[in-house]
Amino acid sequence: MSIKYFCILLSLSLLMVQCTTQQGNNDQKIADDIISHPKDPFQKLCQYWEVLDAENPVYTDVYEHQEEQVYNYPGIVFMTDSTFSENPRGKIRYGKFHYHGKMIDAKFDDGTPAKYFIQAVEGDSMVLQRIENNRKTLLYIKATNVFWPDASTDPYNEKNSLWRVKPSAPETQDQLKKRIKDCVKFYEYMFRGYAVSTNNDIDFLGLPCCFRWYQGGILVEGADHLDKKWIDCFYSEDQALQARQMIEDVLTNNKYTWDTTQTNWLLQTADVLKQIYNKM
């Protein structure tokens, strides 16, 4: 499918855009339509894209076994507030972007400018050419069809991912508590995004985590089986173990309500994660 034909199809979203000023139940229907059938080019762009392959890549563009138990799963998340994150499941880079036609003008938070040119579109796949520091990289990306219409609830925005940044000094108990609360909120947002999208096949590859997920249950990994990426979110392994114990204490010392009338286990889990957050 050519870019021109793709854009013609997406331009049929005018009716939906005109309706966005309606209130009440119509607002929810419009939000649902954006998630299930994004037609506007910007709305289609604003989702999680997996990088499947790359030509002339930089280090973060490739699936590479960096070290024991630490893997890189490259991708790009464009968000509805015109911010984006590159390599969201690895060493994240954040920035802002402006989308127009076939070109995406971007600037990373460190001031580095970049441009992404849409080379080809076919179904849910795109070829992007990124130009950064005179280096041209072809990125072969695929849409996950997971959307967060409200960027503030996108787990991959910078604010919601601060808990993943290793501190430069030991943290107090209050600081540890805030870090794990933010971790719980991150996963609540992630579950909600998948729950309301057409893709319900939630994927945790590459993300730092101490949880084991079940339909109708959440457990904490044992101290001997903690994910290295999760440990690296803390100043030291000792503080990571303290944080793990704090989460386990909250899970075992409180009761949580699983909505058995809810048929979507992703929404069930998101609601319980919100309860956990509120009881921390």
C-alpha atoms as a PDB file:
ATOM      1  CA  MET A   1       0.000   0.000   0.000  1.00  0.00           C
ATOM      2  CA  SER A   2       1.430   3.375  -0.944  1.00  0.00           C
ATOM      3  CA  ILE A   3       1.767   6.282   1.483  1.00  0.00           C
ATOM      4  CA  LYS A   4      -0.646   8.306  -0.669  1.00  0.00           C
ATOM      5  CA  TYR A   5      -3.321   5.634  -0.516  1.00  0.00           C
ATOM      6  CA  PHE A   6      -2.741   5.171   3.217  1.00  0.00           C
ATOM      7  CA  CYS A   7      -3.230   8.882   3.867  1.00  0.00           C
ATOM      8  CA  ILE A   8      -6.415   8.968   1.742  1.00  0.00           C
ATOM      9  CA  LEU A   9      -7.896   6.190   3.836  1.00  0.00           C
ATOM     10  CA  LEU A  10      -6.938   7.892   7.061  1.00  0.00           C
ATOM     11  CA  SER A  11      -8.429  11.209   5.959  1.00  0.00           C
ATOM     12  CA  LEU A  12     -11.881   9.642   6.248  1.00  0.00           C
ATOM     13  CA  SER A  13     -11.660  10.443   9.965  1.00  0.00           C
ATOM     14  CA  LEU A  14     -13.157  13.938   9.485  1.00  0.00           C
ATOM     15  CA  LEU A  15     -16.573  12.880  10.759  1.00  0.00           C
ATOM     16  CA  MET A  16     -15.048  11.424  13.922  1.00  0.00           C
ATOM     17  CA  VAL A  17     -12.991  14.574  14.539  1.00  0.00           C
ATOM     18  CA  GLN A  18     -16.084  16.783  14.136  1.00  0.00           C
ATOM     19  CA  CYS A  19     -17.845  14.741  16.796  1.00  0.00           C
ATOM     20  CA  THR A  20     -15.153  15.201  19.434  1.00  0.00           C
ATOM     21  CA  THR A  21     -16.883  18.282  20.838  1.00  0.00           C
ATOM     22  CA  GLN A  22     -19.886  16.234  21.989  1.00  0.00           C
ATOM     23  CA  GLN A  23     -20.275  15.491  25.674  1.00  0.00           C
ATOM     24  CA  GLY A  24     -21.434  12.645  27.926  1.00  0.00           C
ATOM     25  CA  ASN A  25     -21.727   9.180  26.464  1.00  0.00           C
ATOM     26  CA  ASN A  26     -20.632  10.381  23.046  1.00  0.00           C
ATOM     27  CA  ASP A  27     -17.222  11.316  24.465  1.00  0.00           C
ATOM     28  CA  GLN A  28     -16.672   7.749  25.624  1.00  0.00           C
ATOM     29  CA  LYS A  29     -17.792   6.374  22.259  1.00  0.00           C
ATOM     30  CA  ILE A  30     -15.346   8.651  20.445  1.00  0.00           C
ATOM     31  CA  ALA A  31     -12.513   7.560  22.740  1.00  0.00           C
ATOM     32  CA  ASP A  32     -13.443   3.934  22.089  1.00  0.00           C
ATOM     33  CA  ASP A  33     -13.473   4.551  18.334  1.00  0.00           C
ATOM     34  CA  ILE A  34     -10.007   6.108  18.443  1.00  0.00           C
ATOM     35  CA  ILE A  35      -8.663   3.063  20.243  1.00  0.00           C
ATOM     36  CA  SER A  36     -10.445   0.404  18.211  1.00  0.00           C
ATOM     37  CA  HIS A  37     -10.391   2.018  14.776  1.00  0.00           C
ATOM     38  CA  PRO A  38      -7.907   4.930  14.662  1.00  0.00           C
ATOM     39  CA  LYS A  39      -8.464   6.731  11.362  1.00  0.00           C
ATOM     40  CA  ASP A  40      -6.778  10.082  11.845  1.00  0.00           C
ATOM     41  CA  PRO A  41      -3.072   9.807  10.888  1.00  0.00           C
ATOM     42  CA  PHE A  42      -1.918  11.374  14.165  1.00  0.00           C
ATOM     43  CA  GLN A  43      -4.076   9.019  16.243  1.00  0.00           C
ATOM     44  CA  LYS A  44      -2.794   6.053  14.250  1.00  0.00           C
ATOM     45  CA  LEU A  45       0.784   7.173  14.850  1.00  0.00           C
ATOM     46  CA  CYS A  46       0.288   7.605  18.604  1.00  0.00           C
ATOM     47  CA  GLN A  47       0.785   4.068  19.795  1.00  0.00           C
ATOM     48  CA  TYR A  48       3.493   1.563  20.657  1.00  0.00           C
ATOM     49  CA  TRP A  49       5.577   0.475  17.635  1.00  0.00           C
ATOM     50  CA  GLU A  50       7.949  -2.488  17.779  1.00  0.00           C
ATOM     51  CA  VAL A  51      11.233  -2.305  15.893  1.00  0.00           C
ATOM     52  CA  LEU A  52      11.495  -5.595  14.015  1.00  0.00           C
ATOM     53  CA  ASP A  53      14.664  -4.865  12.060  1.00  0.00           C
ATOM     54  CA  ALA A  54      17.019  -2.023  11.211  1.00  0.00           C
ATOM     55  CA  GLU A  55      19.619  -1.103   8.611  1.00  0.00           C
ATOM     56  CA  ASN A  56      22.658   0.841   9.845  1.00  0.00           C
ATOM     57  CA  PRO A  57      21.287   0.702  13.407  1.00  0.00           C
ATOM     58  CA  VAL A  58      22.556   2.281  16.582  1.00  0.00           C
ATOM     59  CA  TYR A  59      23.061   0.120  19.646  1.00  0.00           C
ATOM     60  CA  THR A  60      19.537   0.578  20.997  1.00  0.00           C
ATOM     61  CA  ASP A  61      17.876  -0.402  17.696  1.00  0.00           C
ATOM     62  CA  VAL A  62      18.786  -4.078  17.874  1.00  0.00           C
ATOM     63  CA  TYR A  63      17.656  -7.070  19.888  1.00  0.00           C
ATOM     64  CA  GLU A  64      20.869  -7.850  21.647  1.00  0.00           C
ATOM     65  CA  HIS A  65      21.856  -9.975  24.620  1.00  0.00           C
ATOM     66  CA  GLN A  66      23.653  -7.183  26.418  1.00  0.00           C
ATOM     67  CA  GLU A  67      24.533  -9.080  29.562  1.00  0.00           C
ATOM     68  CA  GLU A  68      23.193 -11.910  31.672  1.00  0.00           C
ATOM     69  CA  GLN A  69      19.406 -11.590  32.188  1.00  0.00           C
ATOM     70  CA  VAL A  70      19.287  -8.180  30.471  1.00  0.00           C
ATOM     71  CA  TYR A  71      17.790  -7.897  27.006  1.00  0.00           C
ATOM     72  CA  ASN A  72      16.892  -5.011  24.728  1.00  0.00           C
ATOM     73  CA  TYR A  73      13.522  -4.938  22.966  1.00  0.00           C
ATOM     74  CA  PRO A  74      13.628  -1.817  20.761  1.00  0.00           C
ATOM     75  CA  GLY A  75      10.562   0.206  19.925  1.00  0.00           C
ATOM     76  CA  ILE A  76       9.080   3.680  19.657  1.00  0.00           C
ATOM     77  CA  VAL A  77       6.071   5.086  21.476  1.00  0.00           C
ATOM     78  CA  PHE A  78       4.557   8.251  20.014  1.00  0.00           C
ATOM     79  CA  MET A  79       2.144   9.902  22.461  1.00  0.00           C
ATOM     80  CA  THR A  80      -0.866  12.164  22.044  1.00  0.00           C
ATOM     81  CA  ASP A  81       0.812  15.107  23.812  1.00  0.00           C
ATOM     82  CA  SER A  82       3.484  15.122  21.061  1.00  0.00           C
ATOM     83  CA  THR A  83       6.142  13.528  23.235  1.00  0.00           C
ATOM     84  CA  PHE A  84       7.749  10.201  22.431  1.00  0.00           C
ATOM     85  CA  SER A  85      10.027   7.570  23.887  1.00  0.00           C
ATOM     86  CA  GLU A  86      12.507   5.521  21.921  1.00  0.00           C
ATOM     87  CA  ASN A  87      13.658   2.111  23.148  1.00  0.00           C
ATOM     88  CA  PRO A  88      10.948   2.112  25.856  1.00  0.00           C
ATOM     89  CA  ARG A  89      11.917  -1.312  27.230  1.00  0.00           C
ATOM     90  CA  GLY A  90      15.616  -0.610  27.383  1.00  0.00           C
ATOM     91  CA  LYS A  91      17.707   2.510  27.917  1.00  0.00           C
ATOM     92  CA  ILE A  92      14.924   4.992  27.171  1.00  0.00           C
ATOM     93  CA  ARG A  93      15.364   8.253  25.295  1.00  0.00           C
ATOM     94  CA  TYR A  94      12.630  10.867  25.513  1.00  0.00           C
ATOM     95  CA  GLY A  95      11.803  13.744  23.275  1.00  0.00           C
ATOM     96  CA  LYS A  96       9.151  15.826  21.529  1.00  0.00           C
ATOM     97  CA  PHE A  97       7.928  15.537  17.963  1.00  0.00           C
ATOM     98  CA  HIS A  98       5.903  17.361  15.333  1.00  0.00           C
ATOM     99  CA  TYR A  99       4.081  15.240  12.762  1.00  0.00           C
ATOM    100  CA  HIS A 100       3.268  16.567   9.318  1.00  0.00           C
ATOM    101  CA  GLY A 101       2.674  14.502   6.194  1.00  0.00           C
ATOM    102  CA  LYS A 102       5.405  11.940   5.686  1.00  0.00           C
ATOM    103  CA  MET A 103       7.838  13.597   8.085  1.00  0.00           C
ATOM    104  CA  ILE A 104       8.208  13.605  11.861  1.00  0.00           C
ATOM    105  CA  ASP A 105      10.447  16.356  13.248  1.00  0.00           C
ATOM    106  CA  ALA A 106      11.838  15.325  16.614  1.00  0.00           C
ATOM    107  CA  LYS A 107      14.161  16.592  19.300  1.00  0.00           C
ATOM    108  CA  PHE A 108      15.421  14.440  22.137  1.00  0.00           C
ATOM    109  CA  ASP A 109      15.509  15.857  25.639  1.00  0.00           C
ATOM    110  CA  ASP A 110      19.303  16.163  25.470  1.00  0.00           C
ATOM    111  CA  GLY A 111      18.850  18.632  22.600  1.00  0.00           C
ATOM    112  CA  THR A 112      19.763  16.212  19.808  1.00  0.00           C
ATOM    113  CA  PRO A 113      17.546  16.797  16.753  1.00  0.00           C
ATOM    114  CA  ALA A 114      16.287  13.959  14.580  1.00  0.00           C
ATOM    115  CA  LYS A 115      13.946  13.443  11.667  1.00  0.00           C
ATOM    116  CA  TYR A 116      11.837  10.406  10.836  1.00  0.00           C
ATOM    117  CA  PHE A 117      10.657   9.993   7.250  1.00  0.00           C
ATOM    118  CA  ILE A 118       7.843   7.540   6.494  1.00  0.00           C
ATOM    119  CA  GLN A 119       9.231   5.499   3.601  1.00  0.00           C
ATOM    120  CA  ALA A 120       6.486   2.893   3.231  1.00  0.00           C
ATOM    121  CA  VAL A 121       3.294   1.721   4.885  1.00  0.00           C
ATOM    122  CA  GLU A 122       1.685  -1.673   4.493  1.00  0.00           C
ATOM    123  CA  GLY A 123      -1.088  -2.683   6.868  1.00  0.00           C
ATOM    124  CA  ASP A 124       0.254  -2.347  10.406  1.00  0.00           C
ATOM    125  CA  SER A 125       3.881  -2.114   9.276  1.00  0.00           C
ATOM    126  CA  MET A 126       5.953   0.947   8.408  1.00  0.00           C
ATOM    127  CA  VAL A 127       9.464   1.705   7.266  1.00  0.00           C
ATOM    128  CA  LEU A 128      10.919   4.803   8.911  1.00  0.00           C
ATOM    129  CA  GLN A 129      14.166   6.474   7.979  1.00  0.00           C
ATOM    130  CA  ARG A 130      15.685   8.212  10.984  1.00  0.00           C
ATOM    131  CA  ILE A 131      18.329  10.870  10.445  1.00  0.00           C
ATOM    132  CA  GLU A 132      20.289  11.777  13.554  1.00  0.00           C
ATOM    133  CA  ASN A 133      23.790  13.233  13.713  1.00  0.00           C
ATOM    134  CA  ASN A 134      24.126  12.674   9.939  1.00  0.00           C
ATOM    135  CA  ARG A 135      23.489   8.974  10.472  1.00  0.00           C
ATOM    136  CA  LYS A 136      20.689   7.419   8.435  1.00  0.00           C
ATOM    137  CA  THR A 137      18.942   4.350   9.838  1.00  0.00           C
ATOM    138  CA  LEU A 138      16.083   2.424   8.295  1.00  0.00           C
ATOM    139  CA  LEU A 139      13.718   1.144  10.974  1.00  0.00           C
ATOM    140  CA  TYR A 140      11.232  -1.580  10.114  1.00  0.00           C
ATOM    141  CA  ILE A 141       8.469  -1.168  12.676  1.00  0.00           C
ATOM    142  CA  LYS A 142       5.154  -2.837  13.389  1.00  0.00           C
ATOM    143  CA  ALA A 143       2.118  -1.418  15.187  1.00  0.00           C
ATOM    144  CA  THR A 144       1.145  -3.193  18.388  1.00  0.00           C
ATOM    145  CA  ASN A 145      -2.332  -1.614  18.180  1.00  0.00           C
ATOM    146  CA  VAL A 146      -2.083  -0.646  21.848  1.00  0.00           C
ATOM    147  CA  PHE A 147      -3.209   2.941  22.451  1.00  0.00           C
ATOM    148  CA  TRP A 148      -3.306   5.361  25.380  1.00  0.00           C
ATOM    149  CA  PRO A 149      -5.449   8.303  24.149  1.00  0.00           C
ATOM    150  CA  ASP A 150      -4.550  10.250  27.308  1.00  0.00           C
ATOM    151  CA  ALA A 151      -0.768  10.673  27.362  1.00  0.00           C
ATOM    152  CA  SER A 152      -0.790  11.192  31.132  1.00  0.00           C
ATOM    153  CA  THR A 153      -1.860   7.556  31.547  1.00  0.00           C
ATOM    154  CA  ASP A 154       0.633   6.218  29.018  1.00  0.00           C
ATOM    155  CA  PRO A 155       3.058   4.102  31.078  1.00  0.00           C
ATOM    156  CA  TYR A 156       5.912   4.966  28.736  1.00  0.00           C
ATOM    157  CA  ASN A 157       5.837   8.716  29.219  1.00  0.00           C
ATOM    158  CA  GLU A 158       8.720  10.114  31.207  1.00  0.00           C
ATOM    159  CA  LYS A 159       6.767  10.906  34.367  1.00  0.00           C
ATOM    160  CA  ASN A 160       5.334   7.406  34.642  1.00  0.00           C
ATOM    161  CA  SER A 161       8.713   5.765  34.028  1.00  0.00           C
ATOM    162  CA  LEU A 162      10.819   7.704  36.555  1.00  0.00           C
ATOM    163  CA  TRP A 163      10.701   4.737  38.946  1.00  0.00           C
ATOM    164  CA  ARG A 164      12.927   2.873  36.473  1.00  0.00           C
ATOM    165  CA  VAL A 165      15.768   5.406  36.771  1.00  0.00           C
ATOM    166  CA  LYS A 166      18.508   4.170  39.084  1.00  0.00           C
ATOM    167  CA  PRO A 167      19.109   6.685  41.928  1.00  0.00           C
ATOM    168  CA  SER A 168      22.573   8.100  42.543  1.00  0.00           C
ATOM    169  CA  ALA A 169      22.410   7.622  46.310  1.00  0.00           C
ATOM    170  CA  PRO A 170      20.712   5.266  48.788  1.00  0.00           C
ATOM    171  CA  GLU A 171      17.034   6.028  49.295  1.00  0.00           C
ATOM    172  CA  THR A 172      15.019   6.457  52.469  1.00  0.00           C
ATOM    173  CA  GLN A 173      12.079   4.203  53.235  1.00  0.00           C
ATOM    174  CA  ASP A 174       9.707   6.916  52.024  1.00  0.00           C
ATOM    175  CA  GLN A 175      11.623   7.215  48.761  1.00  0.00           C
ATOM    176  CA  LEU A 176      11.571   3.451  48.281  1.00  0.00           C
ATOM    177  CA  LYS A 177       7.843   3.453  48.946  1.00  0.00           C
ATOM    178  CA  LYS A 178       7.260   6.129  46.320  1.00  0.00           C
ATOM    179  CA  ARG A 179       9.353   4.205  43.791  1.00  0.00           C
ATOM    180  CA  ILE A 180       7.373   0.993  44.206  1.00  0.00           C
ATOM    181  CA  LYS A 181       4.058   2.879  44.210  1.00  0.00           C
ATOM    182  CA  ASP A 182       5.057   4.377  40.879  1.00  0.00           C
ATOM    183  CA  CYS A 183       5.960   0.880  39.686  1.00  0.00           C
ATOM    184  CA  VAL A 184       2.475  -0.355  40.594  1.00  0.00           C
ATOM    185  CA  LYS A 185       0.891   2.639  38.840  1.00  0.00           C
ATOM    186  CA  PHE A 186       2.990   1.944  35.737  1.00  0.00           C
ATOM    187  CA  TYR A 187       1.631  -1.578  35.480  1.00  0.00           C
ATOM    188  CA  GLU A 188      -1.927  -0.444  36.185  1.00  0.00           C
ATOM    189  CA  TYR A 189      -1.694   1.926  33.218  1.00  0.00           C
ATOM    190  CA  MET A 190      -0.141  -0.774  31.092  1.00  0.00           C
ATOM    191  CA  PHE A 191      -2.920  -3.278  31.844  1.00  0.00           C
ATOM    192  CA  ARG A 192      -5.601  -0.671  31.134  1.00  0.00           C
ATOM    193  CA  GLY A 193      -4.050   0.216  27.791  1.00  0.00           C
ATOM    194  CA  TYR A 194      -4.063  -3.385  26.610  1.00  0.00           C
ATOM    195  CA  ALA A 195      -7.520  -4.005  28.088  1.00  0.00           C
ATOM    196  CA  VAL A 196      -9.222  -1.347  25.969  1.00  0.00           C
ATOM    197  CA  SER A 197      -7.198  -1.930  22.787  1.00  0.00           C
ATOM    198  CA  THR A 198      -7.794  -4.432  20.036  1.00  0.00           C
ATOM    199  CA  ASN A 199      -4.570  -6.180  21.077  1.00  0.00           C
ATOM    200  CA  ASN A 200      -5.151  -7.879  24.437  1.00  0.00           C
ATOM    201  CA  ASP A 201      -1.997 -10.003  24.237  1.00  0.00           C
ATOM    202  CA  ILE A 202      -0.068  -8.150  26.937  1.00  0.00           C
ATOM    203  CA  ASP A 203       3.698  -8.463  26.709  1.00  0.00           C
ATOM    204  CA  PHE A 204       6.210  -7.828  29.527  1.00  0.00           C
ATOM    205  CA  LEU A 205       9.409  -8.666  27.639  1.00  0.00           C
ATOM    206  CA  GLY A 206      12.248  -6.334  28.538  1.00  0.00           C
ATOM    207  CA  LEU A 207      10.402  -4.544  31.334  1.00  0.00           C
ATOM    208  CA  PRO A 208      11.732  -4.483  34.912  1.00  0.00           C
ATOM    209  CA  CYS A 209       9.268  -6.350  37.094  1.00  0.00           C
ATOM    210  CA  CYS A 210       8.990  -8.228  40.386  1.00  0.00           C
ATOM    211  CA  PHE A 211       5.475  -9.574  39.800  1.00  0.00           C
ATOM    212  CA  ARG A 212       4.064 -12.850  38.533  1.00  0.00           C
ATOM    213  CA  TRP A 213       0.715 -12.355  36.831  1.00  0.00           C
ATOM    214  CA  TYR A 214      -2.216 -14.771  36.934  1.00  0.00           C
ATOM    215  CA  GLN A 215      -5.858 -14.507  36.044  1.00  0.00           C
ATOM    216  CA  GLY A 216      -7.322 -13.716  39.432  1.00  0.00           C
ATOM    217  CA  GLY A 217      -4.017 -13.342  41.255  1.00  0.00           C
ATOM    218  CA  ILE A 218      -0.793 -11.355  41.624  1.00  0.00           C
ATOM    219  CA  LEU A 219       2.320 -12.747  43.293  1.00  0.00           C
ATOM    220  CA  VAL A 220       5.772 -11.343  44.020  1.00  0.00           C
ATOM    221  CA  GLU A 221       8.850 -13.140  42.757  1.00  0.00           C
ATOM    222  CA  GLY A 222      11.040 -14.778  45.379  1.00  0.00           C
ATOM    223  CA  ALA A 223      14.169 -12.939  46.451  1.00  0.00           C
ATOM    224  CA  ASP A 224      16.334 -15.455  44.569  1.00  0.00           C
ATOM    225  CA  HIS A 225      14.467 -15.005  41.290  1.00  0.00           C
ATOM    226  CA  LEU A 226      14.239 -11.243  40.950  1.00  0.00           C
ATOM    227  CA  ASP A 227      14.638  -9.823  37.462  1.00  0.00           C
ATOM    228  CA  LYS A 228      18.011  -8.086  37.054  1.00  0.00           C
ATOM    229  CA  LYS A 229      16.414  -5.146  35.287  1.00  0.00           C
ATOM    230  CA  TRP A 230      14.145  -4.637  38.298  1.00  0.00           C
ATOM    231  CA  ILE A 231      17.116  -4.773  40.689  1.00  0.00           C
ATOM    232  CA  ASP A 232      18.893  -2.183  38.556  1.00  0.00           C
ATOM    233  CA  CYS A 233      16.055   0.287  39.212  1.00  0.00           C
ATOM    234  CA  PHE A 234      17.388   0.642  42.763  1.00  0.00           C
ATOM    235  CA  TYR A 235      20.597   1.986  44.247  1.00  0.00           C
ATOM    236  CA  SER A 236      21.714  -1.470  45.358  1.00  0.00           C
ATOM    237  CA  GLU A 237      20.543  -5.055  45.428  1.00  0.00           C
ATOM    238  CA  ASP A 238      19.905  -4.665  49.146  1.00  0.00           C
ATOM    239  CA  GLN A 239      17.504  -1.784  48.508  1.00  0.00           C
ATOM    240  CA  ALA A 240      15.846  -3.783  45.720  1.00  0.00           C
ATOM    241  CA  LEU A 241      15.243  -6.589  48.219  1.00  0.00           C
ATOM    242  CA  GLN A 242      13.833  -4.111  50.743  1.00  0.00           C
ATOM    243  CA  ALA A 243      11.445  -2.795  48.085  1.00  0.00           C
ATOM    244  CA  ARG A 244      10.429  -6.322  47.128  1.00  0.00           C
ATOM    245  CA  GLN A 245       9.600  -7.077  50.770  1.00  0.00           C
ATOM    246  CA  MET A 246       7.566  -3.875  51.077  1.00  0.00           C
ATOM    247  CA  ILE A 247       5.428  -4.933  48.119  1.00  0.00           C
ATOM    248  CA  GLU A 248       4.982  -8.458  49.461  1.00  0.00           C
ATOM    249  CA  ASP A 249       3.930  -7.077  52.856  1.00  0.00           C
ATOM    250  CA  VAL A 250       1.275  -4.899  51.216  1.00  0.00           C
ATOM    251  CA  LEU A 251      -0.045  -7.869  49.199  1.00  0.00           C
ATOM    252  CA  THR A 252      -0.200 -10.274  52.133  1.00  0.00           C
ATOM    253  CA  ASN A 253      -1.468  -7.846  54.791  1.00  0.00           C
ATOM    254  CA  ASN A 254      -4.432  -6.484  52.859  1.00  0.00           C
ATOM    255  CA  LYS A 255      -7.500  -7.847  51.121  1.00  0.00           C
ATOM    256  CA  TYR A 256      -8.313  -6.958  47.531  1.00  0.00           C
ATOM    257  CA  THR A 257     -11.529  -7.329  45.599  1.00  0.00           C
ATOM    258  CA  TRP A 258     -11.375  -9.144  42.291  1.00  0.00           C
ATOM    259  CA  ASP A 259     -14.416  -8.265  40.218  1.00  0.00           C
ATOM    260  CA  THR A 260     -15.699 -11.684  39.217  1.00  0.00           C
ATOM    261  CA  THR A 261     -18.340 -10.098  36.980  1.00  0.00           C
ATOM    262  CA  GLN A 262     -15.592  -8.554  34.859  1.00  0.00           C
ATOM    263  CA  THR A 263     -14.794 -10.912  31.977  1.00  0.00           C
ATOM    264  CA  ASN A 264     -11.619  -9.064  30.938  1.00  0.00           C
ATOM    265  CA  TRP A 265      -8.805 -10.245  33.206  1.00  0.00           C
ATOM    266  CA  LEU A 266      -6.681  -7.256  32.167  1.00  0.00           C
ATOM    267  CA  LEU A 267      -9.238  -4.851  33.611  1.00  0.00           C
ATOM    268  CA  GLN A 268      -9.595  -7.077  36.675  1.00  0.00           C
ATOM    269  CA  THR A 269      -5.856  -6.869  37.264  1.00  0.00           C
ATOM    270  CA  ALA A 270      -5.714  -3.108  36.612  1.00  0.00           C
ATOM    271  CA  ASP A 271      -8.434  -2.520  39.209  1.00  0.00           C
ATOM    272  CA  VAL A 272      -6.598  -4.604  41.800  1.00  0.00           C
ATOM    273  CA  LEU A 273      -3.332  -2.789  41.084  1.00  0.00           C
ATOM    274  CA  LYS A 274      -5.175   0.477  41.753  1.00  0.00           C
ATOM    275  CA  GLN A 275      -6.337  -0.944  45.098  1.00  0.00           C
ATOM    276  CA  ILE A 276      -2.766  -1.954  45.934  1.00  0.00           C
ATOM    277  CA  TYR A 277      -1.525   1.529  45.061  1.00  0.00           C
ATOM    278  CA  ASN A 278      -4.148   3.143  47.301  1.00  0.00           C
ATOM    279  CA  LYS A 279      -3.189   0.933  50.263  1.00  0.00           C
ATOM    280  CA  MET A 280       0.545   1.644  50.095  1.00  0.00           C
END
